[in-house]
PDB file of N, CA and C in Angstrom:
ATOM      1  N   MET A   1      98.233 138.796 131.386  1.00  0.00           N
ATOM      2  CA  MET A   1      99.114 137.859 132.589  1.00  0.00           C
ATOM      3  C   MET A   1      98.311 138.813 134.092  1.00  0.00           C
ATOM      4  N   PRO A   2      98.420 137.848 135.139  1.00  0.00           N
ATOM      5  CA  PRO A   2      97.582 137.713 136.192  1.00  0.00           C
ATOM      6  C   PRO A   2      98.368 138.551 136.884  1.00  0.00           C
ATOM      7  N   ASP A   3      97.521 139.668 137.837  1.00  0.00           N
ATOM      8  CA  ASP A   3      97.959 140.274 139.030  1.00  0.00           C
ATOM      9  C   ASP A   3      98.235 139.765 140.308  1.00  0.00           C
ATOM     10  N   ILE A   4      99.134 139.400 140.802  1.00  0.00           N
ATOM     11  CA  ILE A   4      98.903 138.865 142.108  1.00  0.00           C
ATOM     12  C   ILE A   4      99.291 139.817 143.228  1.00  0.00           C
ATOM     13  N   ARG A   5      98.159 139.533 143.968  1.00  0.00           N
ATOM     14  CA  ARG A   5      98.755 140.661 145.560  1.00  0.00           C
ATOM     15  C   ARG A   5      99.850 139.627 146.462  1.00  0.00           C
ATOM     16  N   ILE A   6     100.807 140.306 146.488  1.00  0.00           N
ATOM     17  CA  ILE A   6     101.919 139.790 147.872  1.00  0.00           C
ATOM     18  C   ILE A   6     102.355 140.475 148.746  1.00  0.00           C
ATOM     19  N   ASN A   7     102.458 139.735 149.825  1.00  0.00           N
ATOM     20  CA  ASN A   7     103.035 140.292 151.440  1.00  0.00           C
ATOM     21  C   ASN A   7     104.426 140.547 151.441  1.00  0.00           C
ATOM     22  N   VAL A   8     105.165 141.594 151.524  1.00  0.00           N
ATOM     23  CA  VAL A   8     106.577 141.460 151.980  1.00  0.00           C
ATOM     24  C   VAL A   8     106.919 142.364 152.978  1.00  0.00           C
ATOM     25  N   GLY A   9     107.231 141.652 154.208  1.00  0.00           N
ATOM     26  CA  GLY A   9     107.591 142.600 155.733  1.00  0.00           C
ATOM     27  C   GLY A   9     106.261 143.570 155.759  1.00  0.00           C
ATOM     28  N   GLY A  10     105.332 143.266 155.755  1.00  0.00           N
ATOM     29  CA  GLY A  10     103.893 143.438 156.558  1.00  0.00           C
ATOM     30  C   GLY A  10     103.400 144.472 154.929  1.00  0.00           C
ATOM     31  N   ARG A  11     103.709 144.501 153.890  1.00  0.00           N
ATOM     32  CA  ARG A  11     103.552 145.184 153.062  1.00  0.00           C
ATOM     33  C   ARG A  11     102.874 144.879 152.001  1.00  0.00           C
ATOM     34  N   ASP A  12     101.498 145.044 151.323  1.00  0.00           N
ATOM     35  CA  ASP A  12     100.903 144.423 150.077  1.00  0.00           C
ATOM     36  C   ASP A  12     101.435 144.995 148.840  1.00  0.00           C
ATOM     37  N   PHE A  13     101.574 144.312 147.931  1.00  0.00           N
ATOM     38  CA  PHE A  13     102.027 145.161 146.688  1.00  0.00           C
ATOM     39  C   PHE A  13     101.466 143.996 145.952  1.00  0.00           C
ATOM     40  N   ASP A  14     100.788 144.759 144.671  1.00  0.00           N
ATOM     41  CA  ASP A  14     100.221 144.139 143.276  1.00  0.00           C
ATOM     42  C   ASP A  14     100.992 143.946 142.347  1.00  0.00           C
ATOM     43  N   VAL A  15     101.952 143.174 141.816  1.00  0.00           N
ATOM     44  CA  VAL A  15     102.621 142.269 141.165  1.00  0.00           C
ATOM     45  C   VAL A  15     102.281 141.567 139.921  1.00  0.00           C
ATOM     46  N   ALA A  16     102.326 141.910 138.591  1.00  0.00           N
ATOM     47  CA  ALA A  16     102.230 140.936 137.450  1.00  0.00           C
ATOM     48  C   ALA A  16     102.858 139.732 137.299  1.00  0.00           C
ATOM     49  N   CYS A  17     102.527 138.928 136.789  1.00  0.00           N
ATOM     50  CA  CYS A  17     103.431 137.854 136.012  1.00  0.00           C
ATOM     51  C   CYS A  17     102.499 136.893 134.820  1.00  0.00           C
ATOM     52  N   GLN A  18     103.914 136.162 134.594  1.00  0.00           N
ATOM     53  CA  GLN A  18     103.263 135.549 133.464  1.00  0.00           C
ATOM     54  C   GLN A  18     102.452 134.241 133.618  1.00  0.00           C
ATOM     55  N   ASP A  19     101.610 134.182 132.842  1.00  0.00           N
ATOM     56  CA  ASP A  19     100.745 132.808 132.959  1.00  0.00           C
ATOM     57  C   ASP A  19     101.171 131.567 133.250  1.00  0.00           C
ATOM     58  N   GLY A  20     100.794 130.735 134.371  1.00  0.00           N
ATOM     59  CA  GLY A  20     101.723 129.698 135.157  1.00  0.00           C
ATOM     60  C   GLY A  20     102.852 130.131 135.872  1.00  0.00           C
ATOM     61  N   GLU A  21     103.154 131.598 135.841  1.00  0.00           N
ATOM     62  CA  GLU A  21     104.102 131.460 136.675  1.00  0.00           C
ATOM     63  C   GLU A  21     103.765 132.187 138.126  1.00  0.00           C
ATOM     64  N   GLU A  22     102.524 131.996 138.766  1.00  0.00           N
ATOM     65  CA  GLU A  22     102.505 132.611 140.051  1.00  0.00           C
ATOM     66  C   GLU A  22     102.849 131.919 141.037  1.00  0.00           C
ATOM     67  N   HIS A  23     102.832 130.257 140.823  1.00  0.00           N
ATOM     68  CA  HIS A  23     103.744 129.860 142.062  1.00  0.00           C
ATOM     69  C   HIS A  23     104.712 130.460 142.095  1.00  0.00           C
ATOM     70  N   PHE A  24     105.486 130.277 141.089  1.00  0.00           N
ATOM     71  CA  PHE A  24     107.243 130.751 141.136  1.00  0.00           C
ATOM     72  C   PHE A  24     107.099 132.049 141.750  1.00  0.00           C
ATOM     73  N   LEU A  25     106.519 133.089 141.604  1.00  0.00           N
ATOM     74  CA  LEU A  25     106.570 134.643 141.762  1.00  0.00           C
ATOM     75  C   LEU A  25     106.034 134.676 143.774  1.00  0.00           C
ATOM     76  N   LYS A  26     104.832 133.879 144.001  1.00  0.00           N
ATOM     77  CA  LYS A  26     104.714 133.387 145.594  1.00  0.00           C
ATOM     78  C   LYS A  26     105.914 132.743 145.918  1.00  0.00           C
ATOM     79  N   SER A  27     106.714 131.995 145.727  1.00  0.00           N
ATOM     80  CA  SER A  27     107.469 131.537 146.437  1.00  0.00           C
ATOM     81  C   SER A  27     108.679 132.576 146.480  1.00  0.00           C
ATOM     82  N   ALA A  28     109.173 133.407 145.265  1.00  0.00           N
ATOM     83  CA  ALA A  28     109.863 134.236 145.598  1.00  0.00           C
ATOM     84  C   ALA A  28     109.660 134.930 146.726  1.00  0.00           C
ATOM     85  N   ALA A  29     108.333 135.393 146.527  1.00  0.00           N
ATOM     86  CA  ALA A  29     108.044 136.531 147.630  1.00  0.00           C
ATOM     87  C   ALA A  29     108.001 136.132 148.829  1.00  0.00           C
ATOM     88  N   ALA A  30     107.547 134.534 149.121  1.00  0.00           N
ATOM     89  CA  ALA A  30     107.588 134.094 150.490  1.00  0.00           C
ATOM     90  C   ALA A  30     109.338 134.162 150.767  1.00  0.00           C
ATOM     91  N   MET A  31     109.903 134.227 150.205  1.00  0.00           N
ATOM     92  CA  MET A  31     111.488 133.704 150.845  1.00  0.00           C
ATOM     93  C   MET A  31     111.872 135.634 150.879  1.00  0.00           C
ATOM     94  N   LEU A  32     111.267 136.589 150.201  1.00  0.00           N
ATOM     95  CA  LEU A  32     111.876 138.192 150.118  1.00  0.00           C
ATOM     96  C   LEU A  32     111.206 138.583 151.945  1.00  0.00           C
ATOM     97  N   ASP A  33     110.075 137.671 151.673  1.00  0.00           N
ATOM     98  CA  ASP A  33     109.206 138.563 153.339  1.00  0.00           C
ATOM     99  C   ASP A  33     109.308 137.765 154.254  1.00  0.00           C
ATOM    100  N   VAL A  34     110.507 136.200 154.297  1.00  0.00           N
ATOM    101  CA  VAL A  34     111.336 136.145 155.109  1.00  0.00           C
ATOM    102  C   VAL A  34     112.349 137.070 155.694  1.00  0.00           C
ATOM    103  N   GLU A  35     113.035 137.434 154.595  1.00  0.00           N
ATOM    104  CA  GLU A  35     113.851 138.501 155.112  1.00  0.00           C
ATOM    105  C   GLU A  35     113.954 139.409 155.296  1.00  0.00           C
ATOM    106  N   ALA A  36     112.642 140.061 154.901  1.00  0.00           N
ATOM    107  CA  ALA A  36     111.847 141.221 155.199  1.00  0.00           C
ATOM    108  C   ALA A  36     111.393 141.266 156.444  1.00  0.00           C
ATOM    109  N   SER A  37     110.910 139.984 157.195  1.00  0.00           N
ATOM    110  CA  SER A  37     110.266 140.410 158.347  1.00  0.00           C
ATOM    111  C   SER A  37     111.303 140.384 159.155  1.00  0.00           C
ATOM    112  N   VAL A  38     112.638 139.815 159.194  1.00  0.00           N
ATOM    113  CA  VAL A  38     113.983 140.147 159.921  1.00  0.00           C
ATOM    114  C   VAL A  38     113.862 141.338 160.160  1.00  0.00           C
ATOM    115  N   LEU A  39     114.134 142.249 158.966  1.00  0.00           N
ATOM    116  CA  LEU A  39     114.412 143.562 158.934  1.00  0.00           C
ATOM    117  C   LEU A  39     113.560 144.522 159.435  1.00  0.00           C
ATOM    118  N   THR A  40     111.736 144.004 159.892  1.00  0.00           N
ATOM    119  CA  THR A  40     111.018 145.278 160.084  1.00  0.00           C
ATOM    120  C   THR A  40     110.764 144.755 161.733  1.00  0.00           C
ATOM    121  N   GLY A  41     111.629 143.648 162.051  1.00  0.00           N
ATOM    122  CA  GLY A  41     111.800 143.253 163.242  1.00  0.00           C
ATOM    123  C   GLY A  41     113.207 143.634 164.340  1.00  0.00           C
ATOM    124  N   GLN A  42     113.667 144.799 163.579  1.00  0.00           N
ATOM    125  CA  GLN A  42     115.083 145.182 164.087  1.00  0.00           C
ATOM    126  C   GLN A  42     115.099 146.420 164.182  1.00  0.00           C
ATOM    127  N   ILE A  43     114.312 146.981 162.537  1.00  0.00           N
ATOM    128  CA  ILE A  43     114.474 148.484 162.647  1.00  0.00           C
ATOM    129  C   ILE A  43     113.428 149.329 162.332  1.00  0.00           C
ATOM    130  N   ALA A  44     112.652 150.148 162.980  1.00  0.00           N
ATOM    131  CA  ALA A  44     111.766 150.612 162.944  1.00  0.00           C
ATOM    132  C   ALA A  44     111.789 151.847 161.884  1.00  0.00           C
ATOM    133  N   ASN A  45     110.394 151.982 161.388  1.00  0.00           N
ATOM    134  CA  ASN A  45     110.227 152.851 160.180  1.00  0.00           C
ATOM    135  C   ASN A  45     111.217 153.031 159.071  1.00  0.00           C
ATOM    136  N   LEU A  46     111.434 151.633 158.327  1.00  0.00           N
ATOM    137  CA  LEU A  46     112.508 151.244 157.457  1.00  0.00           C
ATOM    138  C   LEU A  46     111.170 151.884 156.205  1.00  0.00           C
ATOM    139  N   THR A  47     111.783 153.040 155.024  1.00  0.00           N
ATOM    140  CA  THR A  47     111.025 152.612 153.982  1.00  0.00           C
ATOM    141  C   THR A  47     111.283 151.549 153.180  1.00  0.00           C
ATOM    142  N   GLU A  48     109.810 151.711 152.456  1.00  0.00           N
ATOM    143  CA  GLU A  48     109.524 150.212 151.566  1.00  0.00           C
ATOM    144  C   GLU A  48     110.606 149.969 150.412  1.00  0.00           C
ATOM    145  N   GLY A  49     111.569 151.101 149.871  1.00  0.00           N
ATOM    146  CA  GLY A  49     112.791 151.400 148.749  1.00  0.00           C
ATOM    147  C   GLY A  49     113.750 150.390 149.634  1.00  0.00           C
ATOM    148  N   ARG A  50     113.964 151.147 151.036  1.00  0.00           N
ATOM    149  CA  ARG A  50     114.989 150.681 151.707  1.00  0.00           C
ATOM    150  C   ARG A  50     115.091 149.305 152.438  1.00  0.00           C
ATOM    151  N   LEU A  51     113.902 148.647 152.575  1.00  0.00           N
ATOM    152  CA  LEU A  51     113.192 147.433 152.884  1.00  0.00           C
ATOM    153  C   LEU A  51     113.339 146.289 152.188  1.00  0.00           C
ATOM    154  N   LEU A  52     113.195 146.800 150.684  1.00  0.00           N
ATOM    155  CA  LEU A  52     112.710 145.778 150.151  1.00  0.00           C
ATOM    156  C   LEU A  52     114.615 145.621 149.309  1.00  0.00           C
ATOM    157  N   LEU A  53     115.699 146.767 149.125  1.00  0.00           N
ATOM    158  CA  LEU A  53     116.812 146.827 149.062  1.00  0.00           C
ATOM    159  C   LEU A  53     117.444 145.929 149.996  1.00  0.00           C
ATOM    160  N   MET A  54     117.220 145.996 151.011  1.00  0.00           N
ATOM    161  CA  MET A  54     117.654 145.326 152.337  1.00  0.00           C
ATOM    162  C   MET A  54     117.309 144.068 152.117  1.00  0.00           C
ATOM    163  N   ALA A  55     116.649 143.713 151.836  1.00  0.00           N
ATOM    164  CA  ALA A  55     115.940 141.918 151.992  1.00  0.00           C
ATOM    165  C   ALA A  55     116.457 141.181 151.200  1.00  0.00           C
ATOM    166  N   GLY A  56     116.319 141.991 149.747  1.00  0.00           N
ATOM    167  CA  GLY A  56     117.096 141.657 148.732  1.00  0.00           C
ATOM    168  C   GLY A  56     118.741 141.283 148.443  1.00  0.00           C
ATOM    169  N   LEU A  57     118.971 142.706 149.092  1.00  0.00           N
ATOM    170  CA  LEU A  57     120.769 142.016 149.692  1.00  0.00           C
ATOM    171  C   LEU A  57     120.946 141.014 150.522  1.00  0.00           C
ATOM    172  N   MET A  58     120.038 140.757 151.024  1.00  0.00           N
ATOM    173  CA  MET A  58     120.045 139.573 152.334  1.00  0.00           C
ATOM    174  C   MET A  58     120.191 138.178 151.543  1.00  0.00           C
ATOM    175  N   LEU A  59     119.099 138.226 150.500  1.00  0.00           N
ATOM    176  CA  LEU A  59     119.071 136.891 149.901  1.00  0.00           C
ATOM    177  C   LEU A  59     120.343 136.827 148.684  1.00  0.00           C
ATOM    178  N   ALA A  60     120.506 137.672 148.024  1.00  0.00           N
ATOM    179  CA  ALA A  60     121.652 137.540 147.160  1.00  0.00           C
ATOM    180  C   ALA A  60     122.841 137.266 148.241  1.00  0.00           C
ATOM    181  N   ASP A  61     123.185 137.403 149.427  1.00  0.00           N
ATOM    182  CA  ASP A  61     124.084 136.886 150.280  1.00  0.00           C
ATOM    183  C   ASP A  61     123.870 135.493 150.263  1.00  0.00           C
ATOM    184  N   LYS A  62     122.965 135.311 150.598  1.00  0.00           N
ATOM    185  CA  LYS A  62     122.731 133.872 150.830  1.00  0.00           C
ATOM    186  C   LYS A  62     123.063 133.289 149.572  1.00  0.00           C
ATOM    187  N   THR A  63     122.177 133.616 148.586  1.00  0.00           N
ATOM    188  CA  THR A  63     122.772 133.116 146.950  1.00  0.00           C
ATOM    189  C   THR A  63     123.984 132.736 146.927  1.00  0.00           C
ATOM    190  N   ALA A  64     124.877 133.924 147.238  1.00  0.00           N
ATOM    191  CA  ALA A  64     125.906 133.549 146.859  1.00  0.00           C
ATOM    192  C   ALA A  64     126.679 132.503 147.745  1.00  0.00           C
ATOM    193  N   GLY A  65     126.193 132.456 149.210  1.00  0.00           N
ATOM    194  CA  GLY A  65     127.147 131.858 149.707  1.00  0.00           C
ATOM    195  C   GLY A  65     126.549 130.136 149.327  1.00  0.00           C
ATOM    196  N   MET A  66     125.630 129.917 148.663  1.00  0.00           N
ATOM    197  CA  MET A  66     124.925 128.861 148.527  1.00  0.00           C
ATOM    198  C   MET A  66     125.789 128.304 146.660  1.00  0.00           C
ATOM    199  N   GLU A  67     126.158 129.153 145.829  1.00  0.00           N
ATOM    200  CA  GLU A  67     126.728 129.497 144.735  1.00  0.00           C
ATOM    201  C   GLU A  67     128.427 129.015 145.017  1.00  0.00           C
ATOM    202  N   ASP A  68     128.781 129.244 145.920  1.00  0.00           N
ATOM    203  CA  ASP A  68     130.140 129.138 146.516  1.00  0.00           C
ATOM    204  C   ASP A  68     130.546 127.548 146.658  1.00  0.00           C
ATOM    205  N   SER A  69     128.949 126.993 147.583  1.00  0.00           N
ATOM    206  CA  SER A  69     129.411 125.662 148.544  1.00  0.00           C
ATOM    207  C   SER A  69     128.692 124.805 146.926  1.00  0.00           C
ATOM    208  N   LEU A  70     128.020 125.393 145.919  1.00  0.00           N
ATOM    209  CA  LEU A  70     127.893 124.407 145.077  1.00  0.00           C
ATOM    210  C   LEU A  70     128.969 124.240 144.335  1.00  0.00           C
ATOM    211  N   LYS A  71     129.309 125.557 144.377  1.00  0.00           N
ATOM    212  CA  LYS A  71     131.052 125.039 143.103  1.00  0.00           C
ATOM    213  C   LYS A  71     131.858 124.000 144.150  1.00  0.00           C
ATOM    214  N   ILE A  72     131.858 124.146 145.528  1.00  0.00           N
ATOM    215  CA  ILE A  72     133.030 123.272 145.960  1.00  0.00           C
ATOM    216  C   ILE A  72     132.299 121.638 145.967  1.00  0.00           C
ATOM    217  N   ALA A  73     131.357 121.740 145.923  1.00  0.00           N
ATOM    218  CA  ALA A  73     130.306 120.097 145.399  1.00  0.00           C
ATOM    219  C   ALA A  73     130.761 119.769 144.076  1.00  0.00           C
ATOM    220  N   GLU A  74     130.414 120.399 143.211  1.00  0.00           N
ATOM    221  CA  GLU A  74     131.148 119.929 141.990  1.00  0.00           C
ATOM    222  C   GLU A  74     132.237 119.789 141.971  1.00  0.00           C
ATOM    223  N   GLY A  75     133.028 120.226 142.441  1.00  0.00           N
ATOM    224  CA  GLY A  75     134.429 120.429 142.065  1.00  0.00           C
ATOM    225  C   GLY A  75     135.073 118.932 142.761  1.00  0.00           C
ATOM    226  N   LYS A  76     134.381 118.883 143.732  1.00  0.00           N
ATOM    227  CA  LYS A  76     134.574 117.264 145.165  1.00  0.00           C
ATOM    228  C   LYS A  76     133.861 116.470 144.054  1.00  0.00           C
ATOM    229  N   LEU A  77     132.472 116.672 143.032  1.00  0.00           N
ATOM    230  CA  LEU A  77     131.912 115.631 142.618  1.00  0.00           C
ATOM    231  C   LEU A  77     132.826 115.000 140.904  1.00  0.00           C
ATOM    232  N   ALA A  78     133.483 116.182 140.591  1.00  0.00           N
ATOM    233  CA  ALA A  78     134.689 115.769 138.933  1.00  0.00           C
ATOM    234  C   ALA A  78     135.580 114.894 139.876  1.00  0.00           C
ATOM    235  N   GLU A  79     136.138 115.349 140.764  1.00  0.00           N
ATOM    236  CA  GLU A  79     137.443 114.504 141.664  1.00  0.00           C
ATOM    237  C   GLU A  79     136.575 113.327 141.639  1.00  0.00           C
ATOM    238  N   VAL A  80     135.712 112.559 142.283  1.00  0.00           N
ATOM    239  CA  VAL A  80     135.492 111.687 142.351  1.00  0.00           C
ATOM    240  C   VAL A  80     134.966 110.806 141.267  1.00  0.00           C
ATOM    241  N   GLN A  81     134.409 111.812 140.351  1.00  0.00           N
ATOM    242  CA  GLN A  81     134.180 110.902 138.934  1.00  0.00           C
ATOM    243  C   GLN A  81     135.469 110.684 138.391  1.00  0.00           C
ATOM    244  N   ALA A  82     136.440 111.225 138.103  1.00  0.00           N
ATOM    245  CA  ALA A  82     137.533 110.887 137.646  1.00  0.00           C
ATOM    246  C   ALA A  82     138.354 110.101 138.352  1.00  0.00           C
ATOM    247  N   GLU A  83     138.272 110.166 139.563  1.00  0.00           N
ATOM    248  CA  GLU A  83     138.652 108.788 139.952  1.00  0.00           C
ATOM    249  C   GLU A  83     138.196 107.452 139.829  1.00  0.00           C
ATOM    250  N   LEU A  84     136.937 107.682 139.400  1.00  0.00           N
ATOM    251  CA  LEU A  84     136.186 106.246 139.365  1.00  0.00           C
ATOM    252  C   LEU A  84     136.039 105.845 138.207  1.00  0.00           C
ATOM    253  N   GLU A  85     136.119 106.655 137.295  1.00  0.00           N
ATOM    254  CA  GLU A  85     136.900 106.492 135.901  1.00  0.00           C
ATOM    255  C   GLU A  85     138.198 105.715 135.726  1.00  0.00           C
ATOM    256  N   THR A  86     139.327 106.547 136.496  1.00  0.00           N
ATOM    257  CA  THR A  86     140.395 105.945 136.103  1.00  0.00           C
ATOM    258  C   THR A  86     140.384 104.414 136.765  1.00  0.00           C
ATOM    259  N   LEU A  87     139.743 104.544 137.809  1.00  0.00           N
ATOM    260  CA  LEU A  87     139.578 103.014 138.692  1.00  0.00           C
ATOM    261  C   LEU A  87     139.061 101.645 137.648  1.00  0.00           C
ATOM    262  N   LYS A  88     137.552 102.388 136.877  1.00  0.00           N
ATOM    263  CA  LYS A  88     137.190 101.426 135.863  1.00  0.00           C
ATOM    264  C   LYS A  88     138.235 101.296 134.551  1.00  0.00           C
ATOM    265  N   SER A  89     139.358 101.879 134.354  1.00  0.00           N
ATOM    266  CA  SER A  89     139.864 101.992 133.089  1.00  0.00           C
ATOM    267  C   SER A  89     141.132 100.850 133.133  1.00  0.00           C
ATOM    268  N   SER A  90     141.797 101.012 134.203  1.00  0.00           N
ATOM    269  CA  SER A  90     142.760 100.464 134.837  1.00  0.00           C
ATOM    270  C   SER A  90     142.689  98.913 135.655  1.00  0.00           C
ATOM    271  N   PRO A  91     142.938  98.129 134.898  1.00  0.00           N
ATOM    272  CA  PRO A  91     142.866  96.468 135.802  1.00  0.00           C
ATOM    273  C   PRO A  91     143.480  96.397 137.230  1.00  0.00           C
ATOM    274  N   GLN A  92     142.646  95.821 138.197  1.00  0.00           N
ATOM    275  CA  GLN A  92     143.400  95.957 139.679  1.00  0.00           C
ATOM    276  C   GLN A  92     144.205  94.597 139.292  1.00  0.00           C
ATOM    277  N   GLU A  93     145.041  94.624 140.238  1.00  0.00           N
ATOM    278  CA  GLU A  93     145.595  93.212 140.865  1.00  0.00           C
ATOM    279  C   GLU A  93     145.011  92.953 141.959  1.00  0.00           C
ATOM    280  N   VAL A  94     144.378  91.636 142.299  1.00  0.00           N
ATOM    281  CA  VAL A  94     144.560  91.003 143.862  1.00  0.00           C
ATOM    282  C   VAL A  94     145.169  90.208 143.659  1.00  0.00           C
ATOM    283  N   GLU A  95     145.772  90.061 145.313  1.00  0.00           N
ATOM    284  CA  GLU A  95     146.284  89.002 145.819  1.00  0.00           C
ATOM    285  C   GLU A  95     145.657  88.100 146.532  1.00  0.00           C
ATOM    286  N   VAL A  96     145.672  86.837 146.393  1.00  0.00           N
ATOM    287  CA  VAL A  96     144.939  85.535 146.567  1.00  0.00           C
ATOM    288  C   VAL A  96     145.806  85.235 147.622  1.00  0.00           C
ATOM    289  N   PRO A  97     145.671  84.822 148.743  1.00  0.00           N
ATOM    290  CA  PRO A  97     146.615  84.196 149.304  1.00  0.00           C
ATOM    291  C   PRO A  97     146.936  82.251 148.901  1.00  0.00           C
ATOM    292  N   ILE A  98     148.267  81.763 148.697  1.00  0.00           N
ATOM    293  CA  ILE A  98     148.069  80.828 148.243  1.00  0.00           C
ATOM    294  C   ILE A  98     148.901  79.558 149.852  1.00  0.00           C
ATOM    295  N   ILE A  99     148.248  78.740 149.633  1.00  0.00           N
ATOM    296  CA  ILE A  99     148.888  77.870 150.747  1.00  0.00           C
ATOM    297  C   ILE A  99     149.853  77.311 150.208  1.00  0.00           C
ATOM    298  N   PRO A 100     151.329  77.603 150.947  1.00  0.00           N
ATOM    299  CA  PRO A 100     152.595  76.454 150.246  1.00  0.00           C
ATOM    300  C   PRO A 100     151.961  75.116 149.746  1.00  0.00           C
ATOM    301  N   ASP A 101     152.725  74.716 149.146  1.00  0.00           N
ATOM    302  CA  ASP A 101     152.602  72.756 149.128  1.00  0.00           C
ATOM    303  C   ASP A 101     153.027  72.140 150.591  1.00  0.00           C
ATOM    304  N   ALA A 102     154.109  72.874 151.161  1.00  0.00           N
ATOM    305  CA  ALA A 102     154.826  72.202 152.269  1.00  0.00           C
ATOM    306  C   ALA A 102     153.497  71.792 153.587  1.00  0.00           C
ATOM    307  N   VAL A 103     152.876  73.217 153.732  1.00  0.00           N
ATOM    308  CA  VAL A 103     152.034  73.111 154.926  1.00  0.00           C
ATOM    309  C   VAL A 103     150.530  72.455 154.256  1.00  0.00           C
ATOM    310  N   THR A 104     150.181  72.100 152.891  1.00  0.00           N
ATOM    311  CA  THR A 104     149.292  70.895 152.367  1.00  0.00           C
ATOM    312  C   THR A 104     149.608  70.016 152.911  1.00  0.00           C
ATOM    313  N   ASP A 105     151.041  69.817 152.298  1.00  0.00           N
ATOM    314  CA  ASP A 105     151.825  68.167 152.607  1.00  0.00           C
ATOM    315  C   ASP A 105     151.810  67.724 154.206  1.00  0.00           C
ATOM    316  N   THR A 106     152.028  68.830 154.858  1.00  0.00           N
ATOM    317  CA  THR A 106     152.332  68.547 155.869  1.00  0.00           C
ATOM    318  C   THR A 106     150.883  68.176 156.680  1.00  0.00           C
ATOM    319  N   LEU A 107     149.723  68.839 156.634  1.00  0.00           N
ATOM    320  CA  LEU A 107     148.322  68.450 156.697  1.00  0.00           C
ATOM    321  C   LEU A 107     147.804  67.366 156.546  1.00  0.00           C
ATOM    322  N   ALA A 108     148.135  66.907 155.468  1.00  0.00           N
ATOM    323  CA  ALA A 108     147.755  65.496 154.433  1.00  0.00           C
ATOM    324  C   ALA A 108     148.546  64.548 155.724  1.00  0.00           C
ATOM    325  N   GLU A 109     149.844  64.285 155.983  1.00  0.00           N
ATOM    326  CA  GLU A 109     150.386  63.550 156.763  1.00  0.00           C
ATOM    327  C   GLU A 109     150.059  63.595 157.826  1.00  0.00           C
ATOM    328  N   ILE A 110     149.657  64.639 159.284  1.00  0.00           N
ATOM    329  CA  ILE A 110     148.744  64.775 159.886  1.00  0.00           C
ATOM    330  C   ILE A 110     147.252  63.666 160.216  1.00  0.00           C
ATOM    331  N   ALA A 111     146.855  64.553 159.028  1.00  0.00           N
ATOM    332  CA  ALA A 111     145.849  63.959 158.708  1.00  0.00           C
ATOM    333  C   ALA A 111     145.774  62.205 158.548  1.00  0.00           C
ATOM    334  N   ALA A 112     146.673  61.608 157.772  1.00  0.00           N
ATOM    335  CA  ALA A 112     146.965  60.300 157.889  1.00  0.00           C
ATOM    336  C   ALA A 112     147.342  59.387 158.939  1.00  0.00           C
ATOM    337  N   ARG A 113     148.062  60.092 159.698  1.00  0.00           N
ATOM    338  CA  ARG A 113     148.740  60.081 161.191  1.00  0.00           C
ATOM    339  C   ARG A 113     147.775  59.821 162.066  1.00  0.00           C
ATOM    340  N   ALA A 114     146.379  60.803 161.937  1.00  0.00           N
ATOM    341  CA  ALA A 114     145.307  60.885 163.103  1.00  0.00           C
ATOM    342  C   ALA A 114     144.690  59.617 162.675  1.00  0.00           C
ATOM    343  N   GLU A 115     143.987  59.583 161.195  1.00  0.00           N
ATOM    344  CA  GLU A 115     143.276  58.000 160.811  1.00  0.00           C
ATOM    345  C   GLU A 115     143.727  56.998 161.116  1.00  0.00           C
ATOM    346  N   ALA A 116     145.379  56.688 161.148  1.00  0.00           N
ATOM    347  CA  ALA A 116     145.783  55.284 161.823  1.00  0.00           C
ATOM    348  C   ALA A 116     146.110  55.468 162.928  1.00  0.00           C
ATOM    349  N   MET A 117     146.013  56.161 163.909  1.00  0.00           N
ATOM    350  CA  MET A 117     145.606  55.935 165.066  1.00  0.00           C
ATOM    351  C   MET A 117     144.532  55.921 165.496  1.00  0.00           C
ATOM    352  N   ALA A 118     143.927  56.114 164.934  1.00  0.00           N
ATOM    353  CA  ALA A 118     141.941  56.396 164.996  1.00  0.00           C
ATOM    354  C   ALA A 118     141.670  54.684 164.756  1.00  0.00           C
ATOM    355  N   ALA A 119     142.531  54.139 163.623  1.00  0.00           N
ATOM    356  CA  ALA A 119     142.239  52.809 163.765  1.00  0.00           C
ATOM    357  C   ALA A 119     142.663  51.929 164.284  1.00  0.00           C
ATOM    358  N   LYS A 120     143.860  52.065 165.161  1.00  0.00           N
ATOM    359  CA  LYS A 120     144.289  51.161 165.992  1.00  0.00           C
ATOM    360  C   LYS A 120     143.449  51.361 167.119  1.00  0.00           C
ATOM    361  N   VAL A 121     142.989  51.982 168.094  1.00  0.00           N
ATOM    362  CA  VAL A 121     142.160  52.763 168.958  1.00  0.00           C
ATOM    363  C   VAL A 121     140.986  51.764 168.395  1.00  0.00           C
ATOM    364  N   GLU A 122     140.648  51.610 167.550  1.00  0.00           N
ATOM    365  CA  GLU A 122     139.185  51.410 167.125  1.00  0.00           C
ATOM    366  C   GLU A 122     139.724  49.470 167.502  1.00  0.00           C
ATOM    367  N   GLU A 123     140.784  49.252 166.560  1.00  0.00           N
ATOM    368  CA  GLU A 123     140.870  47.544 166.892  1.00  0.00           C
ATOM    369  C   GLU A 123     141.132  47.295 168.388  1.00  0.00           C
ATOM    370  N   LYS A 124     141.584  48.230 169.068  1.00  0.00           N
ATOM    371  CA  LYS A 124     142.212  47.559 170.720  1.00  0.00           C
ATOM    372  C   LYS A 124     140.445  47.518 171.511  1.00  0.00           C
ATOM    373  N   ALA A 125     139.959  48.791 170.834  1.00  0.00           N
ATOM    374  CA  ALA A 125     138.681  48.695 171.408  1.00  0.00           C
ATOM    375  C   ALA A 125     137.986  47.146 170.810  1.00  0.00           C
ATOM    376  N   ALA A 126     138.158  46.793 169.900  1.00  0.00           N
ATOM    377  CA  ALA A 126     136.643  46.014 169.505  1.00  0.00           C
ATOM    378  C   ALA A 126     137.442  44.543 169.868  1.00  0.00           C
ATOM    379  N   SER A 127     138.562  44.232 170.648  1.00  0.00           N
ATOM    380  CA  SER A 127     139.442  43.387 170.794  1.00  0.00           C
ATOM    381  C   SER A 127     139.441  42.777 172.253  1.00  0.00           C
TER     382      SER A 127
END
């Protein structure tokens, strides 16, 4: 078991950890040090125990807030996934606009008239 020296709130501590866990211990100690540094800047002459207790409580409060946010996000994700599954499993009707036959016939008639007029103009222009 390696011994690691960590600094929390300006105070050094020797802590033992499992092999390979040093990085996690240092990361956790850095988080605790951030909270402890806030406290030592605000309150003078904190005992070691009170400093660690308060810093731990501040971290616990942040963690609880994050857990609440995570639960809300997981709930929203579950709703979206359920809606997605519903949409995937039920066929959706799509309305495709259809041009009525009367409009198509009228456009064809107008085109025929325009061609006839163009032909007459060409005849007159040629003579």
